[in-house]
């Protein structure tokens, strides 16, 4: 065997689809994917440090950094690697990364940020629900219940305990936010269909997303010249939440426990708020504490079967 997939001819990663069934590998891959959640927690803080750079310009810049981050490894596979990639994998990778950000920014432009953010953050719950469509996956009541608890915690966190009043005038923004959540959930779950595609290919997806964002920027925005501090924040975004995170998320969604990753994703807004509080850019309030309890409880509930399996191995 030359280490290539028999159907696509694409070189396999060290991890094959069959090995994903091994509990030790599955748990390790889940941990790798969870690193993305930690990186996304820094998104809000780093974005505030970029000042008034327009959204699509910022997306183009950060994704360029993220693409260049993995490009050396992608190029090591040669041009044949990109040519042999299935068309569906290209569409999924670029559509997922660019589609999420496009609809997210469309939602923010056409609805209040709190409302849009809450609707967009339906994607962790949708990942848990959609995972039932995957071969070999079984959705139990505790998986759904844990995801709902996480959603409740996110609701408290985003609204500050004040509630949300949806208004007809913002229908376009609400619709865009829901589509945004659907796109990311569908991308994360459907990514499981391509375990043979090396994670290095995410570099090409990031660069393609950067190019599309640049086009949107030229069409809809006015360019802002970043100062040195803003450049550093953009660089940090590309290395972390808007770049590097997508490499580990790719590996985790392909080979880890997609239900756990969906529920653990609710920690991102909680950790993000904690970072903002630590940096003096937000206040610690009771909704933050309550949200932490709900999100942690949801994660424990969703991971009940994993914890039981671990105890049995001990």
C-alpha atoms as a PDB file:
ATOM      1  CA  UNK A   1       0.000   0.000   0.000  1.00  0.00           C
ATOM      2  CA  UNK A   2       1.250   3.469  -0.859  1.00  0.00           C
ATOM      3  CA  UNK A   3      -0.871   5.293   1.731  1.00  0.00           C
ATOM      4  CA  UNK A   4      -3.392   6.651  -0.816  1.00  0.00           C
ATOM      5  CA  UNK A   5      -7.172   6.392  -0.789  1.00  0.00           C
ATOM      6  CA  UNK A   6      -8.286   3.767  -3.309  1.00  0.00           C
ATOM      7  CA  UNK A   7     -11.212   5.865  -4.546  1.00  0.00           C
ATOM      8  CA  UNK A   8      -9.709   9.351  -4.759  1.00  0.00           C
ATOM      9  CA  UNK A   9      -5.987   8.685  -4.931  1.00  0.00           C
ATOM     10  CA  UNK A  10      -5.457  11.254  -2.200  1.00  0.00           C
ATOM     11  CA  UNK A  11      -2.674  10.517   0.317  1.00  0.00           C
ATOM     12  CA  UNK A  12      -4.179   9.458   3.592  1.00  0.00           C
ATOM     13  CA  UNK A  13      -3.376  11.175   6.863  1.00  0.00           C
ATOM     14  CA  UNK A  14      -1.770   9.101   9.568  1.00  0.00           C
ATOM     15  CA  UNK A  15      -5.281   8.694  10.941  1.00  0.00           C
ATOM     16  CA  UNK A  16      -7.545   6.569   8.763  1.00  0.00           C
ATOM     17  CA  UNK A  17     -11.331   6.315   8.955  1.00  0.00           C
ATOM     18  CA  UNK A  18     -11.074   2.927  10.588  1.00  0.00           C
ATOM     19  CA  UNK A  19      -8.760   4.138  13.297  1.00  0.00           C
ATOM     20  CA  UNK A  20     -11.301   6.784  14.249  1.00  0.00           C
ATOM     21  CA  UNK A  21     -13.353   4.024  15.826  1.00  0.00           C
ATOM     22  CA  UNK A  22     -10.625   3.294  18.393  1.00  0.00           C
ATOM     23  CA  UNK A  23     -11.627   4.900  21.702  1.00  0.00           C
ATOM     24  CA  UNK A  24      -8.105   6.210  22.408  1.00  0.00           C
ATOM     25  CA  UNK A  25      -7.771   7.849  19.013  1.00  0.00           C
ATOM     26  CA  UNK A  26     -11.334   9.176  19.071  1.00  0.00           C
ATOM     27  CA  UNK A  27     -10.767  10.806  22.454  1.00  0.00           C
ATOM     28  CA  UNK A  28      -7.461  12.326  21.333  1.00  0.00           C
ATOM     29  CA  UNK A  29      -9.052  13.700  18.155  1.00  0.00           C
ATOM     30  CA  UNK A  30     -11.883  15.175  20.224  1.00  0.00           C
ATOM     31  CA  UNK A  31      -9.318  16.895  22.426  1.00  0.00           C
ATOM     32  CA  UNK A  32      -7.589  18.276  19.342  1.00  0.00           C
ATOM     33  CA  UNK A  33     -10.880  19.657  18.042  1.00  0.00           C
ATOM     34  CA  UNK A  34     -11.638  21.203  21.430  1.00  0.00           C
ATOM     35  CA  UNK A  35      -8.498  23.343  21.057  1.00  0.00           C
ATOM     36  CA  UNK A  36     -10.468  25.271  18.427  1.00  0.00           C
ATOM     37  CA  UNK A  37     -13.011  26.205  21.102  1.00  0.00           C
ATOM     38  CA  UNK A  38     -10.210  27.618  23.262  1.00  0.00           C
ATOM     39  CA  UNK A  39      -8.880  29.607  20.315  1.00  0.00           C
ATOM     40  CA  UNK A  40     -12.343  30.937  19.404  1.00  0.00           C
ATOM     41  CA  UNK A  41     -12.638  32.223  22.965  1.00  0.00           C
ATOM     42  CA  UNK A  42     -10.041  34.877  22.077  1.00  0.00           C
ATOM     43  CA  UNK A  43     -11.980  36.063  19.007  1.00  0.00           C
ATOM     44  CA  UNK A  44     -13.948  38.854  20.700  1.00  0.00           C
ATOM     45  CA  UNK A  45     -10.952  40.296  22.560  1.00  0.00           C
ATOM     46  CA  UNK A  46      -8.658  40.223  19.537  1.00  0.00           C
ATOM     47  CA  UNK A  47     -11.365  41.698  17.326  1.00  0.00           C
ATOM     48  CA  UNK A  48     -11.748  44.659  19.682  1.00  0.00           C
ATOM     49  CA  UNK A  49      -8.013  45.248  19.333  1.00  0.00           C
ATOM     50  CA  UNK A  50      -8.332  45.571  15.539  1.00  0.00           C
ATOM     51  CA  UNK A  51     -10.288  48.799  15.965  1.00  0.00           C
ATOM     52  CA  UNK A  52     -12.532  49.868  13.113  1.00  0.00           C
ATOM     53  CA  UNK A  53     -11.224  47.620  10.356  1.00  0.00           C
ATOM     54  CA  UNK A  54     -14.314  46.650   8.275  1.00  0.00           C
ATOM     55  CA  UNK A  55     -15.500  43.042   8.739  1.00  0.00           C
ATOM     56  CA  UNK A  56     -14.760  41.707   5.249  1.00  0.00           C
ATOM     57  CA  UNK A  57     -11.381  43.436   5.148  1.00  0.00           C
ATOM     58  CA  UNK A  58     -10.552  41.900   8.517  1.00  0.00           C
ATOM     59  CA  UNK A  59     -11.733  38.479   7.326  1.00  0.00           C
ATOM     60  CA  UNK A  60      -9.573  38.698   4.199  1.00  0.00           C
ATOM     61  CA  UNK A  61      -6.505  39.704   6.191  1.00  0.00           C
ATOM     62  CA  UNK A  62      -6.920  37.137   8.977  1.00  0.00           C
ATOM     63  CA  UNK A  63      -7.706  34.249   6.618  1.00  0.00           C
ATOM     64  CA  UNK A  64      -4.663  35.126   4.532  1.00  0.00           C
ATOM     65  CA  UNK A  65      -2.539  34.722   7.658  1.00  0.00           C
ATOM     66  CA  UNK A  66      -4.357  31.495   8.507  1.00  0.00           C
ATOM     67  CA  UNK A  67      -3.855  30.120   5.003  1.00  0.00           C
ATOM     68  CA  UNK A  68      -0.168  30.994   4.927  1.00  0.00           C
ATOM     69  CA  UNK A  69       0.167  29.302   8.317  1.00  0.00           C
ATOM     70  CA  UNK A  70      -0.548  25.881   6.827  1.00  0.00           C
ATOM     71  CA  UNK A  71       0.601  26.487   3.257  1.00  0.00           C
ATOM     72  CA  UNK A  72       4.124  24.997   3.612  1.00  0.00           C
ATOM     73  CA  UNK A  73       2.691  21.630   4.697  1.00  0.00           C
ATOM     74  CA  UNK A  74       0.025  21.778   1.981  1.00  0.00           C
ATOM     75  CA  UNK A  75       2.628  22.513  -0.698  1.00  0.00           C
ATOM     76  CA  UNK A  76       4.744  19.630   0.554  1.00  0.00           C
ATOM     77  CA  UNK A  77       2.002  17.354  -0.738  1.00  0.00           C
ATOM     78  CA  UNK A  78       2.521  18.789  -4.221  1.00  0.00           C
ATOM     79  CA  UNK A  79       0.067  20.244  -6.712  1.00  0.00           C
ATOM     80  CA  UNK A  80      -1.379  16.805  -7.327  1.00  0.00           C
ATOM     81  CA  UNK A  81      -2.809  16.874  -3.796  1.00  0.00           C
ATOM     82  CA  UNK A  82      -5.020  19.854  -4.627  1.00  0.00           C
ATOM     83  CA  UNK A  83      -5.945  18.525  -8.077  1.00  0.00           C
ATOM     84  CA  UNK A  84      -7.011  15.138  -6.713  1.00  0.00           C
ATOM     85  CA  UNK A  85      -9.202  16.609  -3.991  1.00  0.00           C
ATOM     86  CA  UNK A  86     -12.893  15.732  -4.581  1.00  0.00           C
ATOM     87  CA  UNK A  87     -15.035  18.624  -5.793  1.00  0.00           C
ATOM     88  CA  UNK A  88     -17.370  18.091  -2.870  1.00  0.00           C
ATOM     89  CA  UNK A  89     -14.510  18.619  -0.414  1.00  0.00           C
ATOM     90  CA  UNK A  90     -13.584  21.919  -2.106  1.00  0.00           C
ATOM     91  CA  UNK A  91     -17.201  23.093  -2.026  1.00  0.00           C
ATOM     92  CA  UNK A  92     -17.621  22.040   1.597  1.00  0.00           C
ATOM     93  CA  UNK A  93     -14.381  23.607   2.825  1.00  0.00           C
ATOM     94  CA  UNK A  94     -14.748  26.944   1.049  1.00  0.00           C
ATOM     95  CA  UNK A  95     -18.525  27.089   1.476  1.00  0.00           C
ATOM     96  CA  UNK A  96     -18.266  26.353   5.171  1.00  0.00           C
ATOM     97  CA  UNK A  97     -15.560  28.885   6.009  1.00  0.00           C
ATOM     98  CA  UNK A  98     -16.690  31.694   3.733  1.00  0.00           C
ATOM     99  CA  UNK A  99     -20.422  30.989   3.962  1.00  0.00           C
ATOM    100  CA  UNK A 100     -20.434  31.193   7.751  1.00  0.00           C
ATOM    101  CA  UNK A 101     -18.652  34.540   7.843  1.00  0.00           C
ATOM    102  CA  UNK A 102     -20.637  36.017   4.952  1.00  0.00           C
ATOM    103  CA  UNK A 103     -24.012  35.281   6.557  1.00  0.00           C
ATOM    104  CA  UNK A 104     -22.727  36.260  10.004  1.00  0.00           C
ATOM    105  CA  UNK A 105     -21.721  39.720   8.801  1.00  0.00           C
ATOM    106  CA  UNK A 106     -24.968  40.014   6.827  1.00  0.00           C
ATOM    107  CA  UNK A 107     -26.850  39.239  10.041  1.00  0.00           C
ATOM    108  CA  UNK A 108     -24.925  41.867  12.009  1.00  0.00           C
ATOM    109  CA  UNK A 109     -25.650  44.477   9.337  1.00  0.00           C
ATOM    110  CA  UNK A 110     -29.400  43.810   9.395  1.00  0.00           C
ATOM    111  CA  UNK A 111     -30.240  42.962  13.017  1.00  0.00           C
ATOM    112  CA  UNK A 112     -29.151  43.982  16.538  1.00  0.00           C
ATOM    113  CA  UNK A 113     -25.861  42.319  17.484  1.00  0.00           C
ATOM    114  CA  UNK A 114     -27.343  40.514  20.522  1.00  0.00           C
ATOM    115  CA  UNK A 115     -30.218  39.022  18.534  1.00  0.00           C
ATOM    116  CA  UNK A 116     -28.016  38.030  15.599  1.00  0.00           C
ATOM    117  CA  UNK A 117     -25.327  36.570  17.831  1.00  0.00           C
ATOM    118  CA  UNK A 118     -27.788  34.453  19.770  1.00  0.00           C
ATOM    119  CA  UNK A 119     -29.410  33.017  16.635  1.00  0.00           C
ATOM    120  CA  UNK A 120     -26.021  32.396  15.028  1.00  0.00           C
ATOM    121  CA  UNK A 121     -24.959  30.460  18.093  1.00  0.00           C
ATOM    122  CA  UNK A 122     -27.545  27.798  17.430  1.00  0.00           C
ATOM    123  CA  UNK A 123     -24.827  25.896  15.573  1.00  0.00           C
ATOM    124  CA  UNK A 124     -23.510  23.837  18.528  1.00  0.00           C
ATOM    125  CA  UNK A 125     -27.029  22.531  19.179  1.00  0.00           C
ATOM    126  CA  UNK A 126     -27.512  21.854  15.455  1.00  0.00           C
ATOM    127  CA  UNK A 127     -24.220  19.922  15.347  1.00  0.00           C
ATOM    128  CA  UNK A 128     -25.455  17.623  18.111  1.00  0.00           C
ATOM    129  CA  UNK A 129     -28.790  17.109  16.327  1.00  0.00           C
ATOM    130  CA  UNK A 130     -27.253  16.642  12.857  1.00  0.00           C
ATOM    131  CA  UNK A 131     -24.775  14.113  14.227  1.00  0.00           C
ATOM    132  CA  UNK A 132     -27.620  11.592  14.350  1.00  0.00           C
ATOM    133  CA  UNK A 133     -27.446  11.502  10.533  1.00  0.00           C
ATOM    134  CA  UNK A 134     -23.879  10.172  10.560  1.00  0.00           C
ATOM    135  CA  UNK A 135     -23.200   6.435  10.143  1.00  0.00           C
ATOM    136  CA  UNK A 136     -22.350   4.777  13.456  1.00  0.00           C
ATOM    137  CA  UNK A 137     -23.544   7.725  15.561  1.00  0.00           C
ATOM    138  CA  UNK A 138     -26.464   7.468  17.986  1.00  0.00           C
ATOM    139  CA  UNK A 139     -28.118  10.530  19.462  1.00  0.00           C
ATOM    140  CA  UNK A 140     -29.288   9.865  23.032  1.00  0.00           C
ATOM    141  CA  UNK A 141     -31.462  12.051  25.208  1.00  0.00           C
ATOM    142  CA  UNK A 142     -28.548  13.226  27.329  1.00  0.00           C
ATOM    143  CA  UNK A 143     -26.704  14.509  24.240  1.00  0.00           C
ATOM    144  CA  UNK A 144     -29.647  16.694  23.267  1.00  0.00           C
ATOM    145  CA  UNK A 145     -30.327  17.737  26.873  1.00  0.00           C
ATOM    146  CA  UNK A 146     -26.697  18.749  27.356  1.00  0.00           C
ATOM    147  CA  UNK A 147     -26.745  20.821  24.176  1.00  0.00           C
ATOM    148  CA  UNK A 148     -29.968  22.545  25.253  1.00  0.00           C
ATOM    149  CA  UNK A 149     -28.410  23.412  28.631  1.00  0.00           C
ATOM    150  CA  UNK A 150     -25.458  24.896  26.792  1.00  0.00           C
ATOM    151  CA  UNK A 151     -27.820  26.909  24.615  1.00  0.00           C
ATOM    152  CA  UNK A 152     -29.558  28.189  27.732  1.00  0.00           C
ATOM    153  CA  UNK A 153     -26.237  29.279  29.188  1.00  0.00           C
ATOM    154  CA  UNK A 154     -25.337  31.062  25.956  1.00  0.00           C
ATOM    155  CA  UNK A 155     -28.732  32.799  25.992  1.00  0.00           C
ATOM    156  CA  UNK A 156     -28.025  34.183  29.467  1.00  0.00           C
ATOM    157  CA  UNK A 157     -24.523  35.207  28.476  1.00  0.00           C
ATOM    158  CA  UNK A 158     -25.481  36.991  25.263  1.00  0.00           C
ATOM    159  CA  UNK A 159     -28.598  38.708  26.594  1.00  0.00           C
ATOM    160  CA  UNK A 160     -27.277  39.514  30.069  1.00  0.00           C
ATOM    161  CA  UNK A 161     -30.466  38.013  31.498  1.00  0.00           C
ATOM    162  CA  UNK A 162     -32.602  40.703  29.847  1.00  0.00           C
ATOM    163  CA  UNK A 163     -34.318  38.548  27.246  1.00  0.00           C
ATOM    164  CA  UNK A 164     -34.640  39.048  23.506  1.00  0.00           C
ATOM    165  CA  UNK A 165     -37.465  40.645  21.557  1.00  0.00           C
ATOM    166  CA  UNK A 166     -37.435  39.646  17.897  1.00  0.00           C
ATOM    167  CA  UNK A 167     -38.839  42.310  15.564  1.00  0.00           C
ATOM    168  CA  UNK A 168     -40.159  42.014  12.026  1.00  0.00           C
ATOM    169  CA  UNK A 169     -38.016  44.909  10.804  1.00  0.00           C
ATOM    170  CA  UNK A 170     -34.925  42.754  11.276  1.00  0.00           C
ATOM    171  CA  UNK A 171     -36.252  39.676   9.506  1.00  0.00           C
ATOM    172  CA  UNK A 172     -33.422  39.629   6.949  1.00  0.00           C
ATOM    173  CA  UNK A 173     -30.825  39.761   9.705  1.00  0.00           C
ATOM    174  CA  UNK A 174     -32.530  37.007  11.688  1.00  0.00           C
ATOM    175  CA  UNK A 175     -32.739  34.803   8.601  1.00  0.00           C
ATOM    176  CA  UNK A 176     -29.065  35.383   7.819  1.00  0.00           C
ATOM    177  CA  UNK A 177     -28.104  34.454  11.388  1.00  0.00           C
ATOM    178  CA  UNK A 178     -30.056  31.190  11.203  1.00  0.00           C
ATOM    179  CA  UNK A 179     -28.489  30.375   7.826  1.00  0.00           C
ATOM    180  CA  UNK A 180     -25.101  31.158   9.359  1.00  0.00           C
ATOM    181  CA  UNK A 181     -25.750  28.586  12.118  1.00  0.00           C
ATOM    182  CA  UNK A 182     -26.989  26.022   9.611  1.00  0.00           C
ATOM    183  CA  UNK A 183     -23.940  26.500   7.385  1.00  0.00           C
ATOM    184  CA  UNK A 184     -21.416  25.944  10.172  1.00  0.00           C
ATOM    185  CA  UNK A 185     -23.271  22.985  11.666  1.00  0.00           C
ATOM    186  CA  UNK A 186     -23.671  21.367   8.235  1.00  0.00           C
ATOM    187  CA  UNK A 187     -19.994  21.968   7.426  1.00  0.00           C
ATOM    188  CA  UNK A 188     -18.818  20.497  10.729  1.00  0.00           C
ATOM    189  CA  UNK A 189     -20.959  17.362  10.434  1.00  0.00           C
ATOM    190  CA  UNK A 190     -20.540  16.823   6.669  1.00  0.00           C
ATOM    191  CA  UNK A 191     -16.781  17.131   7.111  1.00  0.00           C
ATOM    192  CA  UNK A 192     -16.972  13.589   8.487  1.00  0.00           C
ATOM    193  CA  UNK A 193     -17.598  12.401   4.911  1.00  0.00           C
ATOM    194  CA  UNK A 194     -14.024  13.244   3.928  1.00  0.00           C
ATOM    195  CA  UNK A 195     -11.744  11.642   6.550  1.00  0.00           C
ATOM    196  CA  UNK A 196      -9.251  10.829   3.781  1.00  0.00           C
ATOM    197  CA  UNK A 197      -8.682  14.527   2.960  1.00  0.00           C
ATOM    198  CA  UNK A 198      -5.586  15.769   4.828  1.00  0.00           C
ATOM    199  CA  UNK A 199      -6.106  18.624   7.256  1.00  0.00           C
ATOM    200  CA  UNK A 200      -3.297  20.443   5.423  1.00  0.00           C
ATOM    201  CA  UNK A 201      -5.869  21.248   2.722  1.00  0.00           C
ATOM    202  CA  UNK A 202      -7.494  23.732   5.108  1.00  0.00           C
ATOM    203  CA  UNK A 203      -4.738  26.129   4.030  1.00  0.00           C
ATOM    204  CA  UNK A 204      -6.244  26.290   0.540  1.00  0.00           C
ATOM    205  CA  UNK A 205      -9.746  26.725   1.955  1.00  0.00           C
ATOM    206  CA  UNK A 206      -8.534  29.642   4.080  1.00  0.00           C
ATOM    207  CA  UNK A 207      -6.831  31.347   1.133  1.00  0.00           C
ATOM    208  CA  UNK A 208      -9.912  30.902  -1.053  1.00  0.00           C
ATOM    209  CA  UNK A 209     -12.041  32.372   1.743  1.00  0.00           C
ATOM    210  CA  UNK A 210      -9.635  35.307   2.007  1.00  0.00           C
ATOM    211  CA  UNK A 211      -9.964  35.956  -1.729  1.00  0.00           C
ATOM    212  CA  UNK A 212     -13.779  35.897  -1.611  1.00  0.00           C
ATOM    213  CA  UNK A 213     -13.796  38.163   1.446  1.00  0.00           C
ATOM    214  CA  UNK A 214     -11.483  40.574  -0.373  1.00  0.00           C
ATOM    215  CA  UNK A 215     -13.977  40.762  -3.254  1.00  0.00           C
ATOM    216  CA  UNK A 216     -16.808  41.494  -0.803  1.00  0.00           C
ATOM    217  CA  UNK A 217     -14.649  44.139   0.857  1.00  0.00           C
ATOM    218  CA  UNK A 218     -13.994  45.909  -2.446  1.00  0.00           C
ATOM    219  CA  UNK A 219     -17.699  45.807  -3.298  1.00  0.00           C
ATOM    220  CA  UNK A 220     -19.198  46.855   0.037  1.00  0.00           C
ATOM    221  CA  UNK A 221     -16.561  48.526   2.258  1.00  0.00           C
ATOM    222  CA  UNK A 222     -13.993  51.295   2.431  1.00  0.00           C
ATOM    223  CA  UNK A 223     -10.436  50.175   3.121  1.00  0.00           C
ATOM    224  CA  UNK A 224      -8.889  51.127   6.459  1.00  0.00           C
ATOM    225  CA  UNK A 225      -5.100  51.197   6.817  1.00  0.00           C
ATOM    226  CA  UNK A 226      -4.174  49.303  10.039  1.00  0.00           C
ATOM    227  CA  UNK A 227      -1.657  50.743  12.474  1.00  0.00           C
ATOM    228  CA  UNK A 228       1.117  48.518  13.952  1.00  0.00           C
ATOM    229  CA  UNK A 229      -1.022  47.463  16.916  1.00  0.00           C
ATOM    230  CA  UNK A 230      -3.887  46.475  14.656  1.00  0.00           C
ATOM    231  CA  UNK A 231      -1.529  44.479  12.439  1.00  0.00           C
ATOM    232  CA  UNK A 232      -0.423  42.507  15.496  1.00  0.00           C
ATOM    233  CA  UNK A 233      -4.063  41.819  16.393  1.00  0.00           C
ATOM    234  CA  UNK A 234      -4.751  40.643  12.811  1.00  0.00           C
ATOM    235  CA  UNK A 235      -1.702  38.385  12.968  1.00  0.00           C
ATOM    236  CA  UNK A 236      -2.938  36.919  16.263  1.00  0.00           C
ATOM    237  CA  UNK A 237      -6.381  36.352  14.747  1.00  0.00           C
ATOM    238  CA  UNK A 238      -4.888  34.482  11.789  1.00  0.00           C
ATOM    239  CA  UNK A 239      -2.716  32.298  13.994  1.00  0.00           C
ATOM    240  CA  UNK A 240      -5.552  31.648  16.432  1.00  0.00           C
ATOM    241  CA  UNK A 241      -9.333  31.961  16.108  1.00  0.00           C
ATOM    242  CA  UNK A 242      -9.568  32.972  12.425  1.00  0.00           C
ATOM    243  CA  UNK A 243      -7.033  30.559  11.000  1.00  0.00           C
ATOM    244  CA  UNK A 244      -5.260  28.073  13.203  1.00  0.00           C
ATOM    245  CA  UNK A 245      -8.503  27.030  14.888  1.00  0.00           C
ATOM    246  CA  UNK A 246      -9.871  25.647  11.619  1.00  0.00           C
ATOM    247  CA  UNK A 247      -7.022  23.142  11.288  1.00  0.00           C
ATOM    248  CA  UNK A 248      -7.668  21.526  14.659  1.00  0.00           C
ATOM    249  CA  UNK A 249     -11.446  21.742  14.159  1.00  0.00           C
ATOM    250  CA  UNK A 250     -11.048  19.927  10.834  1.00  0.00           C
ATOM    251  CA  UNK A 251      -9.189  17.061  12.504  1.00  0.00           C
ATOM    252  CA  UNK A 252     -11.605  16.908  15.416  1.00  0.00           C
ATOM    253  CA  UNK A 253     -14.770  16.842  13.320  1.00  0.00           C
ATOM    254  CA  UNK A 254     -13.349  14.151  11.040  1.00  0.00           C
ATOM    255  CA  UNK A 255     -12.036  11.790  13.691  1.00  0.00           C
ATOM    256  CA  UNK A 256     -13.415  12.824  17.103  1.00  0.00           C
ATOM    257  CA  UNK A 257     -16.759  12.745  18.881  1.00  0.00           C
ATOM    258  CA  UNK A 258     -18.838  15.305  16.999  1.00  0.00           C
ATOM    259  CA  UNK A 259     -21.517  15.427  19.725  1.00  0.00           C
ATOM    260  CA  UNK A 260     -19.008  16.324  22.420  1.00  0.00           C
ATOM    261  CA  UNK A 261     -17.406  18.934  20.196  1.00  0.00           C
ATOM    262  CA  UNK A 262     -20.798  20.504  19.570  1.00  0.00           C
ATOM    263  CA  UNK A 263     -21.555  20.791  23.272  1.00  0.00           C
ATOM    264  CA  UNK A 264     -18.048  21.891  24.260  1.00  0.00           C
ATOM    265  CA  UNK A 265     -18.381  24.707  21.718  1.00  0.00           C
ATOM    266  CA  UNK A 266     -20.703  26.492  24.123  1.00  0.00           C
ATOM    267  CA  UNK A 267     -17.648  27.176  26.270  1.00  0.00           C
ATOM    268  CA  UNK A 268     -16.373  29.590  23.605  1.00  0.00           C
ATOM    269  CA  UNK A 269     -18.677  32.530  24.477  1.00  0.00           C
ATOM    270  CA  UNK A 270     -18.211  31.845  28.202  1.00  0.00           C
ATOM    271  CA  UNK A 271     -14.416  31.846  27.967  1.00  0.00           C
ATOM    272  CA  UNK A 272     -14.604  34.815  25.599  1.00  0.00           C
ATOM    273  CA  UNK A 273     -16.534  36.807  28.192  1.00  0.00           C
ATOM    274  CA  UNK A 274     -14.052  35.768  30.893  1.00  0.00           C
ATOM    275  CA  UNK A 275     -11.168  37.085  28.775  1.00  0.00           C
ATOM    276  CA  UNK A 276     -12.999  40.375  28.197  1.00  0.00           C
ATOM    277  CA  UNK A 277     -13.610  40.691  31.941  1.00  0.00           C
ATOM    278  CA  UNK A 278      -9.951  39.932  32.693  1.00  0.00           C
ATOM    279  CA  UNK A 279      -8.887  42.558  30.151  1.00  0.00           C
ATOM    280  CA  UNK A 280     -11.189  45.136  31.706  1.00  0.00           C
ATOM    281  CA  UNK A 281     -13.452  45.313  28.635  1.00  0.00           C
ATOM    282  CA  UNK A 282     -16.515  43.735  30.294  1.00  0.00           C
ATOM    283  CA  UNK A 283     -18.026  43.373  33.757  1.00  0.00           C
ATOM    284  CA  UNK A 284     -18.518  40.150  35.730  1.00  0.00           C
ATOM    285  CA  UNK A 285     -22.253  39.728  36.385  1.00  0.00           C
ATOM    286  CA  UNK A 286     -24.619  37.058  37.696  1.00  0.00           C
ATOM    287  CA  UNK A 287     -25.610  35.929  34.162  1.00  0.00           C
ATOM    288  CA  UNK A 288     -21.964  35.043  33.536  1.00  0.00           C
ATOM    289  CA  UNK A 289     -21.859  32.799  36.616  1.00  0.00           C
ATOM    290  CA  UNK A 290     -25.220  31.218  35.813  1.00  0.00           C
ATOM    291  CA  UNK A 291     -24.155  30.674  32.209  1.00  0.00           C
ATOM    292  CA  UNK A 292     -21.001  28.932  33.409  1.00  0.00           C
ATOM    293  CA  UNK A 293     -23.028  26.522  35.534  1.00  0.00           C
ATOM    294  CA  UNK A 294     -25.421  25.703  32.675  1.00  0.00           C
ATOM    295  CA  UNK A 295     -22.682  25.256  30.085  1.00  0.00           C
ATOM    296  CA  UNK A 296     -20.504  23.124  32.364  1.00  0.00           C
ATOM    297  CA  UNK A 297     -23.501  21.024  33.343  1.00  0.00           C
ATOM    298  CA  UNK A 298     -24.453  20.545  29.722  1.00  0.00           C
ATOM    299  CA  UNK A 299     -20.934  19.453  28.813  1.00  0.00           C
ATOM    300  CA  UNK A 300     -20.861  16.920  31.664  1.00  0.00           C
ATOM    301  CA  UNK A 301     -24.263  15.556  30.674  1.00  0.00           C
ATOM    302  CA  UNK A 302     -23.316  15.169  27.017  1.00  0.00           C
ATOM    303  CA  UNK A 303     -20.052  13.448  27.892  1.00  0.00           C
ATOM    304  CA  UNK A 304     -21.722  10.967  30.298  1.00  0.00           C
ATOM    305  CA  UNK A 305     -21.137   7.973  28.027  1.00  0.00           C
ATOM    306  CA  UNK A 306     -17.494   8.940  27.445  1.00  0.00           C
ATOM    307  CA  UNK A 307     -16.903   9.246  31.195  1.00  0.00           C
ATOM    308  CA  UNK A 308     -18.540   5.868  31.850  1.00  0.00           C
ATOM    309  CA  UNK A 309     -16.412   4.246  29.172  1.00  0.00           C
ATOM    310  CA  UNK A 310     -13.285   5.744  30.710  1.00  0.00           C
ATOM    311  CA  UNK A 311     -14.198   4.368  34.137  1.00  0.00           C
ATOM    312  CA  UNK A 312     -14.748   0.922  32.664  1.00  0.00           C
ATOM    313  CA  UNK A 313     -11.291   0.969  31.073  1.00  0.00           C
ATOM    314  CA  UNK A 314      -9.773   1.884  34.440  1.00  0.00           C
END
